[in-house]
Amino acid sequence: MCEANAYIVNGNGAENLLLADVDIIEPEEGGQIRLISIYGEQKVVKADIKSMSLVNHRVVLATK
């Protein structure tokens, strides 16, 4: 499988799992990002993409 796990960086710099098995990442209005997993679970967060490693199946977001 080629899905990624999405993590969000908190104020202390620690990464917390936001959503597993992410299939789709879409920009939304107002600086938000919509993440959709292969199971149809969705999360919308106001964040920027800090880093992506598709080989490691990893997306890191930083809140705005």
N, C-alpha and C. Protein backbone atom coordinates (compact mmCIF):
# COMPACT_ATOMS: atom_id res chain seq x y z
N MET A 1 0.83 -1.18 0.00
CA MET A 1 0.00 0.00 0.00
C MET A 1 0.88 1.25 0.00
N CYS A 2 0.34 2.32 -0.55
CA CYS A 2 1.11 3.54 -0.69
C CYS A 2 0.56 4.71 0.11
N GLU A 3 -0.31 4.45 1.05
CA GLU A 3 -0.87 5.53 1.84
C GLU A 3 0.18 6.06 2.81
N ALA A 4 -0.09 7.28 3.29
CA ALA A 4 0.84 7.92 4.22
C ALA A 4 0.13 8.15 5.56
N ASN A 5 0.92 8.29 6.59
CA ASN A 5 0.40 8.72 7.88
C ASN A 5 0.66 10.22 7.99
N ALA A 6 -0.33 10.95 8.50
CA ALA A 6 -0.19 12.40 8.66
C ALA A 6 -0.01 12.72 10.13
N TYR A 7 1.00 13.52 10.41
CA TYR A 7 1.32 13.93 11.77
C TYR A 7 1.18 15.44 11.87
N ILE A 8 0.85 15.92 13.05
CA ILE A 8 0.78 17.36 13.29
C ILE A 8 1.74 17.72 14.40
N VAL A 9 2.47 18.81 14.22
CA VAL A 9 3.46 19.26 15.20
C VAL A 9 2.75 20.15 16.21
N ASN A 10 2.91 19.84 17.50
CA ASN A 10 2.29 20.67 18.53
C ASN A 10 3.24 21.80 18.93
N GLY A 11 2.82 22.63 19.89
CA GLY A 11 3.61 23.79 20.31
C GLY A 11 4.97 23.45 20.87
N ASN A 12 5.13 22.22 21.36
CA ASN A 12 6.42 21.79 21.93
C ASN A 12 7.33 21.16 20.88
N GLY A 13 6.85 21.08 19.64
CA GLY A 13 7.65 20.47 18.58
C GLY A 13 7.47 18.98 18.45
N ALA A 14 6.62 18.38 19.29
CA ALA A 14 6.38 16.94 19.20
C ALA A 14 5.39 16.65 18.09
N GLU A 15 5.58 15.53 17.42
CA GLU A 15 4.68 15.12 16.35
C GLU A 15 3.66 14.13 16.90
N ASN A 16 2.38 14.39 16.59
CA ASN A 16 1.29 13.51 17.00
C ASN A 16 0.57 13.01 15.76
N LEU A 17 0.21 11.74 15.75
CA LEU A 17 -0.50 11.17 14.61
C LEU A 17 -1.85 11.86 14.48
N LEU A 18 -2.13 12.40 13.32
CA LEU A 18 -3.40 13.07 13.04
C LEU A 18 -4.35 12.13 12.33
N LEU A 19 -3.86 11.42 11.31
CA LEU A 19 -4.69 10.51 10.54
C LEU A 19 -3.81 9.48 9.86
N ALA A 20 -4.19 8.22 10.00
CA ALA A 20 -3.44 7.12 9.38
C ALA A 20 -4.02 6.80 8.01
N ASP A 21 -3.23 6.18 7.18
CA ASP A 21 -3.66 5.69 5.87
C ASP A 21 -4.28 6.78 5.01
N VAL A 22 -3.63 7.93 4.94
CA VAL A 22 -4.12 9.06 4.15
C VAL A 22 -3.93 8.76 2.67
N ASP A 23 -5.01 8.98 1.93
CA ASP A 23 -4.98 8.76 0.49
C ASP A 23 -5.04 10.07 -0.27
N ILE A 24 -5.78 11.05 0.25
CA ILE A 24 -6.00 12.31 -0.45
C ILE A 24 -5.69 13.48 0.48
N ILE A 25 -4.97 14.47 -0.05
CA ILE A 25 -4.71 15.72 0.66
C ILE A 25 -5.17 16.83 -0.27
N GLU A 26 -6.11 17.66 0.21
CA GLU A 26 -6.67 18.73 -0.61
C GLU A 26 -6.59 20.06 0.12
N PRO A 27 -6.20 21.13 -0.57
CA PRO A 27 -6.24 22.45 0.05
C PRO A 27 -7.69 22.92 0.13
N GLU A 28 -8.02 23.62 1.20
CA GLU A 28 -9.36 24.19 1.39
C GLU A 28 -9.20 25.70 1.54
N GLU A 29 -10.30 26.41 1.47
CA GLU A 29 -10.26 27.86 1.66
C GLU A 29 -9.87 28.19 3.09
N GLY A 30 -9.30 29.36 3.28
CA GLY A 30 -8.94 29.81 4.62
C GLY A 30 -7.68 29.16 5.17
N GLY A 31 -6.85 28.60 4.29
CA GLY A 31 -5.60 28.01 4.75
C GLY A 31 -5.76 26.65 5.42
N GLN A 32 -6.87 25.98 5.12
CA GLN A 32 -7.08 24.66 5.72
C GLN A 32 -6.68 23.56 4.76
N ILE A 33 -6.43 22.40 5.32
CA ILE A 33 -6.07 21.21 4.54
C ILE A 33 -7.04 20.10 4.93
N ARG A 34 -7.61 19.45 3.90
CA ARG A 34 -8.49 18.30 4.13
C ARG A 34 -7.70 17.02 3.86
N LEU A 35 -7.73 16.11 4.81
CA LEU A 35 -7.08 14.81 4.68
C LEU A 35 -8.17 13.75 4.64
N ILE A 36 -8.06 12.82 3.71
CA ILE A 36 -9.05 11.76 3.58
C ILE A 36 -8.31 10.42 3.57
N SER A 37 -8.72 9.53 4.46
CA SER A 37 -8.07 8.21 4.54
C SER A 37 -8.71 7.25 3.55
N ILE A 38 -8.09 6.11 3.38
CA ILE A 38 -8.64 5.09 2.48
C ILE A 38 -9.95 4.52 3.02
N TYR A 39 -10.25 4.78 4.27
CA TYR A 39 -11.49 4.30 4.89
C TYR A 39 -12.59 5.35 4.86
N GLY A 40 -12.32 6.52 4.24
CA GLY A 40 -13.30 7.58 4.14
C GLY A 40 -13.30 8.54 5.31
N GLU A 41 -12.47 8.31 6.31
CA GLU A 41 -12.37 9.24 7.45
C GLU A 41 -11.73 10.53 6.96
N GLN A 42 -12.29 11.66 7.40
CA GLN A 42 -11.79 12.96 6.97
C GLN A 42 -11.44 13.83 8.17
N LYS A 43 -10.41 14.61 7.99
CA LYS A 43 -10.03 15.62 8.99
C LYS A 43 -9.68 16.89 8.23
N VAL A 44 -10.12 18.02 8.76
CA VAL A 44 -9.79 19.32 8.19
C VAL A 44 -9.07 20.11 9.27
N VAL A 45 -7.88 20.58 8.94
CA VAL A 45 -7.08 21.33 9.91
C VAL A 45 -6.55 22.60 9.26
N LYS A 46 -6.37 23.63 10.07
CA LYS A 46 -5.74 24.86 9.60
C LYS A 46 -4.25 24.68 9.84
N ALA A 47 -3.53 24.34 8.79
CA ALA A 47 -2.12 23.99 8.92
C ALA A 47 -1.41 24.18 7.59
N ASP A 48 -0.09 24.16 7.67
CA ASP A 48 0.78 24.16 6.50
C ASP A 48 1.48 22.82 6.43
N ILE A 49 1.86 22.42 5.23
CA ILE A 49 2.66 21.21 5.08
C ILE A 49 4.09 21.58 5.44
N LYS A 50 4.60 20.91 6.47
CA LYS A 50 5.98 21.16 6.91
C LYS A 50 6.95 20.30 6.11
N SER A 51 6.58 19.02 5.92
CA SER A 51 7.42 18.13 5.13
C SER A 51 6.60 16.94 4.65
N MET A 52 7.07 16.35 3.57
CA MET A 52 6.46 15.13 3.03
C MET A 52 7.57 14.19 2.60
N SER A 53 7.41 12.94 2.97
CA SER A 53 8.32 11.91 2.49
C SER A 53 7.46 10.76 1.98
N LEU A 54 7.26 10.73 0.68
CA LEU A 54 6.39 9.70 0.11
C LEU A 54 7.04 8.32 0.16
N VAL A 55 8.35 8.27 0.12
CA VAL A 55 9.03 6.98 0.25
C VAL A 55 8.79 6.40 1.64
N ASN A 56 8.78 7.27 2.66
CA ASN A 56 8.55 6.83 4.03
C ASN A 56 7.09 6.89 4.45
N HIS A 57 6.21 7.26 3.50
CA HIS A 57 4.76 7.31 3.75
C HIS A 57 4.44 8.23 4.92
N ARG A 58 4.96 9.45 4.87
CA ARG A 58 4.86 10.34 6.02
C ARG A 58 4.63 11.79 5.56
N VAL A 59 3.62 12.43 6.16
CA VAL A 59 3.31 13.84 5.93
C VAL A 59 3.30 14.53 7.29
N VAL A 60 4.02 15.64 7.41
CA VAL A 60 4.06 16.38 8.67
C VAL A 60 3.45 17.75 8.42
N LEU A 61 2.47 18.11 9.26
CA LEU A 61 1.79 19.39 9.18
C LEU A 61 2.13 20.23 10.39
N ALA A 62 2.13 21.55 10.20
CA ALA A 62 2.36 22.48 11.31
C ALA A 62 1.16 23.40 11.38
N THR A 63 0.56 23.54 12.56
CA THR A 63 -0.61 24.40 12.71
C THR A 63 -0.23 25.84 12.47
N LYS A 64 -1.19 26.60 12.03
CA LYS A 64 -0.97 28.03 11.75
C LYS A 64 -1.26 28.84 12.98
